[in-house]
PDB file of N, CA and C in Angstrom:
ATOM      1  N   UNK A   1      51.210  55.917  75.733  1.00  0.00           N
ATOM      2  CA  UNK A   1      50.216  56.920  75.637  1.00  0.00           C
ATOM      3  C   UNK A   1      49.819  57.498  76.946  1.00  0.00           C
ATOM      4  N   UNK A   2      49.673  56.689  78.017  1.00  0.00           N
ATOM      5  CA  UNK A   2      49.242  57.168  79.244  1.00  0.00           C
ATOM      6  C   UNK A   2      50.232  58.052  79.930  1.00  0.00           C
ATOM      7  N   UNK A   3      51.449  57.515  79.907  1.00  0.00           N
ATOM      8  CA  UNK A   3      52.577  58.285  80.741  1.00  0.00           C
ATOM      9  C   UNK A   3      53.193  59.468  79.866  1.00  0.00           C
ATOM     10  N   UNK A   4      53.261  59.367  78.618  1.00  0.00           N
ATOM     11  CA  UNK A   4      53.951  60.337  77.879  1.00  0.00           C
ATOM     12  C   UNK A   4      53.017  61.410  77.180  1.00  0.00           C
ATOM     13  N   UNK A   5      52.032  60.946  76.481  1.00  0.00           N
ATOM     14  CA  UNK A   5      51.124  61.825  75.622  1.00  0.00           C
ATOM     15  C   UNK A   5      49.967  62.294  76.436  1.00  0.00           C
ATOM     16  N   UNK A   6      49.364  61.491  77.279  1.00  0.00           N
ATOM     17  CA  UNK A   6      48.168  61.990  78.034  1.00  0.00           C
ATOM     18  C   UNK A   6      48.331  63.352  78.776  1.00  0.00           C
ATOM     19  N   UNK A   7      49.506  63.505  79.432  1.00  0.00           N
ATOM     20  CA  UNK A   7      49.662  64.768  80.086  1.00  0.00           C
ATOM     21  C   UNK A   7      49.783  65.928  79.172  1.00  0.00           C
ATOM     22  N   UNK A   8      50.512  65.679  78.071  1.00  0.00           N
ATOM     23  CA  UNK A   8      50.792  66.742  77.034  1.00  0.00           C
ATOM     24  C   UNK A   8      49.516  67.232  76.389  1.00  0.00           C
ATOM     25  N   UNK A   9      48.715  66.307  76.000  1.00  0.00           N
ATOM     26  CA  UNK A   9      47.485  66.588  75.288  1.00  0.00           C
ATOM     27  C   UNK A   9      46.251  66.684  76.101  1.00  0.00           C
ATOM     28  N   UNK A  10      46.377  66.395  77.404  1.00  0.00           N
ATOM     29  CA  UNK A  10      45.286  66.500  78.419  1.00  0.00           C
ATOM     30  C   UNK A  10      44.119  65.687  78.132  1.00  0.00           C
ATOM     31  N   UNK A  11      44.395  64.417  77.649  1.00  0.00           N
ATOM     32  CA  UNK A  11      43.312  63.487  77.446  1.00  0.00           C
ATOM     33  C   UNK A  11      42.759  63.038  78.703  1.00  0.00           C
ATOM     34  N   UNK A  12      41.483  63.184  78.868  1.00  0.00           N
ATOM     35  CA  UNK A  12      40.836  62.771  80.136  1.00  0.00           C
ATOM     36  C   UNK A  12      40.026  61.480  80.021  1.00  0.00           C
ATOM     37  N   UNK A  13      39.875  60.940  78.859  1.00  0.00           N
ATOM     38  CA  UNK A  13      39.088  59.745  78.699  1.00  0.00           C
ATOM     39  C   UNK A  13      39.833  58.503  78.579  1.00  0.00           C
ATOM     40  N   UNK A  14      41.127  58.426  78.939  1.00  0.00           N
ATOM     41  CA  UNK A  14      41.869  57.131  78.860  1.00  0.00           C
ATOM     42  C   UNK A  14      41.723  56.521  80.242  1.00  0.00           C
ATOM     43  N   UNK A  15      41.550  55.272  80.325  1.00  0.00           N
ATOM     44  CA  UNK A  15      41.575  54.536  81.591  1.00  0.00           C
ATOM     45  C   UNK A  15      42.947  54.614  82.098  1.00  0.00           C
ATOM     46  N   UNK A  16      43.086  54.908  83.369  1.00  0.00           N
ATOM     47  CA  UNK A  16      44.383  55.011  83.958  1.00  0.00           C
ATOM     48  C   UNK A  16      45.242  53.714  83.907  1.00  0.00           C
ATOM     49  N   UNK A  17      46.507  53.830  83.779  1.00  0.00           N
ATOM     50  CA  UNK A  17      47.458  52.642  83.873  1.00  0.00           C
ATOM     51  C   UNK A  17      48.211  52.743  85.151  1.00  0.00           C
ATOM     52  N   UNK A  18      47.909  51.648  85.986  1.00  0.00           N
ATOM     53  CA  UNK A  18      48.551  51.636  87.230  1.00  0.00           C
ATOM     54  C   UNK A  18      49.991  51.043  87.118  1.00  0.00           C
ATOM     55  N   UNK A  19      50.093  50.085  86.295  1.00  0.00           N
ATOM     56  CA  UNK A  19      51.368  49.431  86.173  1.00  0.00           C
ATOM     57  C   UNK A  19      51.509  48.848  84.679  1.00  0.00           C
ATOM     58  N   UNK A  20      52.654  48.952  84.071  1.00  0.00           N
ATOM     59  CA  UNK A  20      52.753  48.271  82.757  1.00  0.00           C
ATOM     60  C   UNK A  20      54.280  47.858  82.592  1.00  0.00           C
ATOM     61  N   UNK A  21      54.490  46.662  82.018  1.00  0.00           N
ATOM     62  CA  UNK A  21      55.791  46.318  81.728  1.00  0.00           C
ATOM     63  C   UNK A  21      56.373  47.052  80.558  1.00  0.00           C
ATOM     64  N   UNK A  22      57.676  47.139  80.341  1.00  0.00           N
ATOM     65  CA  UNK A  22      58.247  47.880  79.311  1.00  0.00           C
ATOM     66  C   UNK A  22      57.621  47.554  77.910  1.00  0.00           C
ATOM     67  N   UNK A  23      57.394  46.324  77.695  1.00  0.00           N
ATOM     68  CA  UNK A  23      56.908  45.918  76.242  1.00  0.00           C
ATOM     69  C   UNK A  23      55.369  46.082  76.191  1.00  0.00           C
ATOM     70  N   UNK A  24      54.663  46.429  77.179  1.00  0.00           N
ATOM     71  CA  UNK A  24      53.284  46.615  77.228  1.00  0.00           C
ATOM     72  C   UNK A  24      52.458  45.274  77.139  1.00  0.00           C
ATOM     73  N   UNK A  25      53.162  44.205  77.462  1.00  0.00           N
ATOM     74  CA  UNK A  25      52.450  42.844  77.490  1.00  0.00           C
ATOM     75  C   UNK A  25      51.553  42.731  78.595  1.00  0.00           C
ATOM     76  N   UNK A  26      51.948  43.281  79.804  1.00  0.00           N
ATOM     77  CA  UNK A  26      51.164  43.298  80.972  1.00  0.00           C
ATOM     78  C   UNK A  26      50.755  44.696  81.393  1.00  0.00           C
ATOM     79  N   UNK A  27      49.538  45.041  81.465  1.00  0.00           N
ATOM     80  CA  UNK A  27      49.001  46.292  81.781  1.00  0.00           C
ATOM     81  C   UNK A  27      48.013  46.138  82.818  1.00  0.00           C
ATOM     82  N   UNK A  28      48.178  46.822  83.950  1.00  0.00           N
ATOM     83  CA  UNK A  28      47.168  46.790  85.037  1.00  0.00           C
ATOM     84  C   UNK A  28      46.433  48.164  85.061  1.00  0.00           C
ATOM     85  N   UNK A  29      45.098  47.988  84.943  1.00  0.00           N
ATOM     86  CA  UNK A  29      44.260  49.188  85.056  1.00  0.00           C
ATOM     87  C   UNK A  29      43.166  48.885  86.055  1.00  0.00           C
ATOM     88  N   UNK A  30      42.416  50.015  86.336  1.00  0.00           N
ATOM     89  CA  UNK A  30      41.267  49.687  87.295  1.00  0.00           C
ATOM     90  C   UNK A  30      40.165  49.011  86.486  1.00  0.00           C
ATOM     91  N   UNK A  31      39.381  48.156  87.218  1.00  0.00           N
ATOM     92  CA  UNK A  31      38.299  47.461  86.624  1.00  0.00           C
ATOM     93  C   UNK A  31      37.179  48.412  86.149  1.00  0.00           C
ATOM     94  N   UNK A  32      36.966  48.415  84.887  1.00  0.00           N
ATOM     95  CA  UNK A  32      35.836  49.197  84.341  1.00  0.00           C
ATOM     96  C   UNK A  32      34.612  48.291  84.105  1.00  0.00           C
ATOM     97  N   UNK A  33      33.363  48.889  84.267  1.00  0.00           N
ATOM     98  CA  UNK A  33      32.211  48.158  83.946  1.00  0.00           C
ATOM     99  C   UNK A  33      31.788  48.327  82.528  1.00  0.00           C
ATOM    100  N   UNK A  34      31.181  47.251  82.023  1.00  0.00           N
ATOM    101  CA  UNK A  34      30.727  47.294  80.697  1.00  0.00           C
ATOM    102  C   UNK A  34      29.353  46.615  80.650  1.00  0.00           C
ATOM    103  N   UNK A  35      28.498  46.762  79.705  1.00  0.00           N
ATOM    104  CA  UNK A  35      28.825  47.492  78.478  1.00  0.00           C
ATOM    105  C   UNK A  35      28.365  48.993  78.536  1.00  0.00           C
ATOM    106  N   UNK A  36      28.838  49.715  77.717  1.00  0.00           N
ATOM    107  CA  UNK A  36      28.488  51.053  77.515  1.00  0.00           C
ATOM    108  C   UNK A  36      27.800  51.234  76.170  1.00  0.00           C
ATOM    109  N   UNK A  37      26.988  52.182  75.895  1.00  0.00           N
ATOM    110  CA  UNK A  37      26.208  52.362  74.660  1.00  0.00           C
ATOM    111  C   UNK A  37      27.052  53.105  73.614  1.00  0.00           C
ATOM    112  N   UNK A  38      26.659  52.886  72.412  1.00  0.00           N
ATOM    113  CA  UNK A  38      27.231  53.699  71.308  1.00  0.00           C
ATOM    114  C   UNK A  38      27.037  55.168  71.523  1.00  0.00           C
ATOM    115  N   UNK A  39      25.801  55.516  72.002  1.00  0.00           N
ATOM    116  CA  UNK A  39      25.475  56.892  72.361  1.00  0.00           C
ATOM    117  C   UNK A  39      26.499  57.498  73.289  1.00  0.00           C
ATOM    118  N   UNK A  40      26.800  56.743  74.387  1.00  0.00           N
ATOM    119  CA  UNK A  40      27.831  57.298  75.332  1.00  0.00           C
ATOM    120  C   UNK A  40      29.147  57.484  74.838  1.00  0.00           C
ATOM    121  N   UNK A  41      29.528  56.577  73.928  1.00  0.00           N
ATOM    122  CA  UNK A  41      30.920  56.719  73.296  1.00  0.00           C
ATOM    123  C   UNK A  41      30.787  57.930  72.310  1.00  0.00           C
ATOM    124  N   UNK A  42      29.771  58.052  71.635  1.00  0.00           N
ATOM    125  CA  UNK A  42      29.713  59.182  70.593  1.00  0.00           C
ATOM    126  C   UNK A  42      29.689  60.568  71.380  1.00  0.00           C
ATOM    127  N   UNK A  43      29.217  60.488  72.604  1.00  0.00           N
ATOM    128  CA  UNK A  43      29.137  61.782  73.391  1.00  0.00           C
ATOM    129  C   UNK A  43      30.487  62.145  74.092  1.00  0.00           C
ATOM    130  N   UNK A  44      31.513  61.266  73.950  1.00  0.00           N
ATOM    131  CA  UNK A  44      32.786  61.561  74.516  1.00  0.00           C
ATOM    132  C   UNK A  44      33.438  62.696  73.689  1.00  0.00           C
ATOM    133  N   UNK A  45      34.283  63.515  74.419  1.00  0.00           N
ATOM    134  CA  UNK A  45      34.904  64.625  73.603  1.00  0.00           C
ATOM    135  C   UNK A  45      35.836  64.049  72.502  1.00  0.00           C
ATOM    136  N   UNK A  46      35.963  64.879  71.414  1.00  0.00           N
ATOM    137  CA  UNK A  46      36.875  64.622  70.373  1.00  0.00           C
ATOM    138  C   UNK A  46      38.122  65.378  70.757  1.00  0.00           C
ATOM    139  N   UNK A  47      39.305  64.761  70.647  1.00  0.00           N
ATOM    140  CA  UNK A  47      40.537  65.406  70.972  1.00  0.00           C
ATOM    141  C   UNK A  47      41.440  65.598  69.761  1.00  0.00           C
ATOM    142  N   UNK A  48      42.166  66.698  69.769  1.00  0.00           N
ATOM    143  CA  UNK A  48      43.212  66.859  68.744  1.00  0.00           C
ATOM    144  C   UNK A  48      44.495  66.983  69.473  1.00  0.00           C
ATOM    145  N   UNK A  49      45.514  66.057  69.111  1.00  0.00           N
ATOM    146  CA  UNK A  49      45.354  65.106  68.097  1.00  0.00           C
ATOM    147  C   UNK A  49      44.500  63.945  68.610  1.00  0.00           C
ATOM    148  N   UNK A  50      43.971  63.139  67.634  1.00  0.00           N
ATOM    149  CA  UNK A  50      43.192  62.092  68.127  1.00  0.00           C
ATOM    150  C   UNK A  50      43.849  61.019  68.896  1.00  0.00           C
ATOM    151  N   UNK A  51      43.214  60.444  69.849  1.00  0.00           N
ATOM    152  CA  UNK A  51      43.860  59.417  70.636  1.00  0.00           C
ATOM    153  C   UNK A  51      43.968  58.051  69.869  1.00  0.00           C
ATOM    154  N   UNK A  52      42.946  57.753  69.255  1.00  0.00           N
ATOM    155  CA  UNK A  52      42.914  56.553  68.534  1.00  0.00           C
ATOM    156  C   UNK A  52      41.798  56.730  67.430  1.00  0.00           C
ATOM    157  N   UNK A  53      41.928  55.966  66.323  1.00  0.00           N
ATOM    158  CA  UNK A  53      40.923  55.984  65.313  1.00  0.00           C
ATOM    159  C   UNK A  53      39.744  55.045  65.621  1.00  0.00           C
ATOM    160  N   UNK A  54      40.026  54.119  66.606  1.00  0.00           N
ATOM    161  CA  UNK A  54      38.958  53.088  66.840  1.00  0.00           C
ATOM    162  C   UNK A  54      37.997  53.556  67.895  1.00  0.00           C
ATOM    163  N   UNK A  55      36.792  53.243  67.601  1.00  0.00           N
ATOM    164  CA  UNK A  55      35.718  53.521  68.672  1.00  0.00           C
ATOM    165  C   UNK A  55      34.874  52.334  68.798  1.00  0.00           C
ATOM    166  N   UNK A  56      35.443  51.199  68.973  1.00  0.00           N
ATOM    167  CA  UNK A  56      34.604  50.058  69.187  1.00  0.00           C
ATOM    168  C   UNK A  56      33.975  50.003  70.614  1.00  0.00           C
ATOM    169  N   UNK A  57      32.727  49.604  70.653  1.00  0.00           N
ATOM    170  CA  UNK A  57      32.032  49.645  72.001  1.00  0.00           C
ATOM    171  C   UNK A  57      32.823  48.801  73.078  1.00  0.00           C
ATOM    172  N   UNK A  58      33.298  47.613  72.644  1.00  0.00           N
ATOM    173  CA  UNK A  58      34.029  46.781  73.572  1.00  0.00           C
ATOM    174  C   UNK A  58      35.304  47.339  74.079  1.00  0.00           C
ATOM    175  N   UNK A  59      35.822  48.418  73.435  1.00  0.00           N
ATOM    176  CA  UNK A  59      37.111  49.000  73.874  1.00  0.00           C
ATOM    177  C   UNK A  59      36.931  50.094  74.899  1.00  0.00           C
ATOM    178  N   UNK A  60      35.573  50.264  75.394  1.00  0.00           N
ATOM    179  CA  UNK A  60      35.249  51.269  76.293  1.00  0.00           C
ATOM    180  C   UNK A  60      34.531  50.725  77.549  1.00  0.00           C
ATOM    181  N   UNK A  61      34.743  51.508  78.618  1.00  0.00           N
ATOM    182  CA  UNK A  61      33.989  51.043  79.903  1.00  0.00           C
ATOM    183  C   UNK A  61      33.743  52.201  80.812  1.00  0.00           C
ATOM    184  N   UNK A  62      33.148  51.942  81.940  1.00  0.00           N
ATOM    185  CA  UNK A  62      32.797  52.993  82.809  1.00  0.00           C
ATOM    186  C   UNK A  62      33.605  52.950  84.124  1.00  0.00           C
ATOM    187  N   UNK A  63      34.199  54.002  84.484  1.00  0.00           N
ATOM    188  CA  UNK A  63      34.832  54.107  85.856  1.00  0.00           C
ATOM    189  C   UNK A  63      33.970  55.168  86.604  1.00  0.00           C
ATOM    190  N   UNK A  64      33.226  54.729  87.588  1.00  0.00           N
ATOM    191  CA  UNK A  64      32.283  55.573  88.248  1.00  0.00           C
ATOM    192  C   UNK A  64      31.290  56.007  87.169  1.00  0.00           C
ATOM    193  N   UNK A  65      31.209  57.327  86.997  1.00  0.00           N
ATOM    194  CA  UNK A  65      30.281  57.825  85.994  1.00  0.00           C
ATOM    195  C   UNK A  65      30.897  58.283  84.699  1.00  0.00           C
ATOM    196  N   UNK A  66      32.186  57.994  84.581  1.00  0.00           N
ATOM    197  CA  UNK A  66      32.969  58.426  83.380  1.00  0.00           C
ATOM    198  C   UNK A  66      33.192  57.302  82.392  1.00  0.00           C
ATOM    199  N   UNK A  67      32.917  57.558  81.085  1.00  0.00           N
ATOM    200  CA  UNK A  67      33.238  56.658  80.083  1.00  0.00           C
ATOM    201  C   UNK A  67      34.698  56.751  79.707  1.00  0.00           C
ATOM    202  N   UNK A  68      35.445  55.674  79.587  1.00  0.00           N
ATOM    203  CA  UNK A  68      36.916  55.667  79.341  1.00  0.00           C
ATOM    204  C   UNK A  68      37.238  54.753  78.225  1.00  0.00           C
ATOM    205  N   UNK A  69      38.196  55.026  77.526  1.00  0.00           N
ATOM    206  CA  UNK A  69      38.844  54.174  76.538  1.00  0.00           C
ATOM    207  C   UNK A  69      39.749  53.142  77.303  1.00  0.00           C
ATOM    208  N   UNK A  70      39.501  51.892  77.026  1.00  0.00           N
ATOM    209  CA  UNK A  70      40.295  50.844  77.747  1.00  0.00           C
ATOM    210  C   UNK A  70      41.358  50.291  76.851  1.00  0.00           C
ATOM    211  N   UNK A  71      41.167  50.174  75.562  1.00  0.00           N
ATOM    212  CA  UNK A  71      42.163  49.656  74.656  1.00  0.00           C
ATOM    213  C   UNK A  71      42.677  50.685  73.796  1.00  0.00           C
ATOM    214  N   UNK A  72      43.635  51.382  74.189  1.00  0.00           N
ATOM    215  CA  UNK A  72      44.166  52.443  73.376  1.00  0.00           C
ATOM    216  C   UNK A  72      45.688  52.269  72.930  1.00  0.00           C
ATOM    217  N   UNK A  73      46.195  51.093  73.243  1.00  0.00           N
ATOM    218  CA  UNK A  73      47.544  50.773  72.861  1.00  0.00           C
ATOM    219  C   UNK A  73      47.666  50.379  71.410  1.00  0.00           C
ATOM    220  N   UNK A  74      48.873  50.305  70.907  1.00  0.00           N
ATOM    221  CA  UNK A  74      49.093  49.902  69.496  1.00  0.00           C
ATOM    222  C   UNK A  74      49.753  48.589  69.378  1.00  0.00           C
ATOM    223  N   UNK A  75      49.371  47.631  68.630  1.00  0.00           N
ATOM    224  CA  UNK A  75      49.896  46.299  68.664  1.00  0.00           C
ATOM    225  C   UNK A  75      51.152  45.964  67.818  1.00  0.00           C
ATOM    226  N   UNK A  76      51.660  46.954  66.966  1.00  0.00           N
ATOM    227  CA  UNK A  76      52.931  46.577  66.206  1.00  0.00           C
ATOM    228  C   UNK A  76      53.866  47.819  66.275  1.00  0.00           C
ATOM    229  N   UNK A  77      55.076  47.444  66.239  1.00  0.00           N
ATOM    230  CA  UNK A  77      56.229  48.428  66.429  1.00  0.00           C
ATOM    231  C   UNK A  77      56.078  49.537  65.367  1.00  0.00           C
ATOM    232  N   UNK A  78      55.782  49.164  64.106  1.00  0.00           N
ATOM    233  CA  UNK A  78      55.728  50.204  63.064  1.00  0.00           C
ATOM    234  C   UNK A  78      54.519  51.219  63.403  1.00  0.00           C
ATOM    235  N   UNK A  79      53.476  50.702  63.929  1.00  0.00           N
ATOM    236  CA  UNK A  79      52.403  51.590  64.322  1.00  0.00           C
ATOM    237  C   UNK A  79      52.778  52.478  65.453  1.00  0.00           C
ATOM    238  N   UNK A  80      53.532  51.942  66.323  1.00  0.00           N
ATOM    239  CA  UNK A  80      54.025  52.784  67.596  1.00  0.00           C
ATOM    240  C   UNK A  80      54.982  53.801  67.030  1.00  0.00           C
ATOM    241  N   UNK A  81      55.856  53.524  66.260  1.00  0.00           N
ATOM    242  CA  UNK A  81      56.790  54.551  65.653  1.00  0.00           C
ATOM    243  C   UNK A  81      56.108  55.641  64.947  1.00  0.00           C
ATOM    244  N   UNK A  82      55.090  55.206  64.165  1.00  0.00           N
ATOM    245  CA  UNK A  82      54.382  56.144  63.249  1.00  0.00           C
ATOM    246  C   UNK A  82      53.526  57.066  64.186  1.00  0.00           C
ATOM    247  N   UNK A  83      52.891  56.518  65.158  1.00  0.00           N
ATOM    248  CA  UNK A  83      52.060  57.355  66.173  1.00  0.00           C
ATOM    249  C   UNK A  83      52.974  58.257  66.924  1.00  0.00           C
ATOM    250  N   UNK A  84      54.039  57.754  67.336  1.00  0.00           N
ATOM    251  CA  UNK A  84      54.957  58.735  68.127  1.00  0.00           C
ATOM    252  C   UNK A  84      55.367  59.896  67.324  1.00  0.00           C
ATOM    253  N   UNK A  85      55.709  59.621  66.091  1.00  0.00           N
ATOM    254  CA  UNK A  85      56.021  60.852  65.247  1.00  0.00           C
ATOM    255  C   UNK A  85      54.859  61.748  65.090  1.00  0.00           C
ATOM    256  N   UNK A  86      53.666  61.119  64.894  1.00  0.00           N
ATOM    257  CA  UNK A  86      52.456  62.046  64.758  1.00  0.00           C
ATOM    258  C   UNK A  86      52.323  62.906  65.887  1.00  0.00           C
ATOM    259  N   UNK A  87      52.374  62.271  67.170  1.00  0.00           N
ATOM    260  CA  UNK A  87      52.304  63.037  68.354  1.00  0.00           C
ATOM    261  C   UNK A  87      53.331  64.085  68.609  1.00  0.00           C
ATOM    262  N   UNK A  88      54.599  63.679  68.242  1.00  0.00           N
ATOM    263  CA  UNK A  88      55.643  64.704  68.284  1.00  0.00           C
ATOM    264  C   UNK A  88      55.419  65.902  67.478  1.00  0.00           C
ATOM    265  N   UNK A  89      54.951  65.719  66.184  1.00  0.00           N
ATOM    266  CA  UNK A  89      54.662  66.824  65.372  1.00  0.00           C
ATOM    267  C   UNK A  89      53.579  67.715  65.975  1.00  0.00           C
ATOM    268  N   UNK A  90      52.589  67.074  66.465  1.00  0.00           N
ATOM    269  CA  UNK A  90      51.360  67.870  67.032  1.00  0.00           C
ATOM    270  C   UNK A  90      51.839  68.560  68.258  1.00  0.00           C
ATOM    271  N   UNK A  91      52.554  67.886  69.116  1.00  0.00           N
ATOM    272  CA  UNK A  91      52.978  68.595  70.331  1.00  0.00           C
ATOM    273  C   UNK A  91      53.888  69.851  70.076  1.00  0.00           C
ATOM    274  N   UNK A  92      54.679  69.783  69.050  1.00  0.00           N
ATOM    275  CA  UNK A  92      55.626  70.847  68.675  1.00  0.00           C
ATOM    276  C   UNK A  92      54.884  71.951  68.009  1.00  0.00           C
ATOM    277  N   UNK A  93      53.740  71.676  67.176  1.00  0.00           N
ATOM    278  CA  UNK A  93      53.160  72.744  66.438  1.00  0.00           C
ATOM    279  C   UNK A  93      52.014  73.487  66.967  1.00  0.00           C
ATOM    280  N   UNK A  94      51.285  72.820  68.019  1.00  0.00           N
ATOM    281  CA  UNK A  94      50.085  73.460  68.428  1.00  0.00           C
ATOM    282  C   UNK A  94      49.707  72.973  69.829  1.00  0.00           C
ATOM    283  N   UNK A  95      49.203  73.867  70.636  1.00  0.00           N
ATOM    284  CA  UNK A  95      48.699  73.363  71.920  1.00  0.00           C
ATOM    285  C   UNK A  95      47.431  72.406  71.711  1.00  0.00           C
ATOM    286  N   UNK A  96      47.436  71.421  72.606  1.00  0.00           N
ATOM    287  CA  UNK A  96      46.272  70.509  72.504  1.00  0.00           C
ATOM    288  C   UNK A  96      44.938  71.163  72.749  1.00  0.00           C
ATOM    289  N   UNK A  97      43.928  70.660  72.202  1.00  0.00           N
ATOM    290  CA  UNK A  97      42.503  71.279  72.422  1.00  0.00           C
ATOM    291  C   UNK A  97      41.513  70.143  72.350  1.00  0.00           C
ATOM    292  N   UNK A  98      40.505  70.427  73.082  1.00  0.00           N
ATOM    293  CA  UNK A  98      39.325  69.527  73.116  1.00  0.00           C
ATOM    294  C   UNK A  98      38.410  70.150  72.070  1.00  0.00           C
ATOM    295  N   UNK A  99      37.946  69.348  71.068  1.00  0.00           N
ATOM    296  CA  UNK A  99      36.964  69.909  70.130  1.00  0.00           C
ATOM    297  C   UNK A  99      35.606  69.431  70.528  1.00  0.00           C
ATOM    298  N   UNK A 100      34.738  70.301  70.883  1.00  0.00           N
ATOM    299  CA  UNK A 100      33.332  69.941  71.273  1.00  0.00           C
ATOM    300  C   UNK A 100      32.690  69.311  70.078  1.00  0.00           C
ATOM    301  N   UNK A 101      31.715  68.303  70.449  1.00  0.00           N
ATOM    302  CA  UNK A 101      30.887  67.696  69.360  1.00  0.00           C
ATOM    303  C   UNK A 101      29.823  68.578  69.012  1.00  0.00           C
TER     304      UNK A 101
END
């Protein structure tokens, strides 16, 4: 998501990935502070296509003044394959856009 789709769809709310192994078992990101509030998460921009359908409070943190998604990976191969196809279709059919709330 970070290396492939973030640049295409211009997602600005993903926590940066500094290093990740090919399987995604080890991921190194900057330390984000928590907690953040539900109101802060709800104020984050909506993206098309969506980054993730989850908006759990514990999956978000703060880097400086920016609220970022920390846990935006997918746990199962079938989910990864499905999501890749979803993003391929969206990348080919329309430019990415941020939808204001």
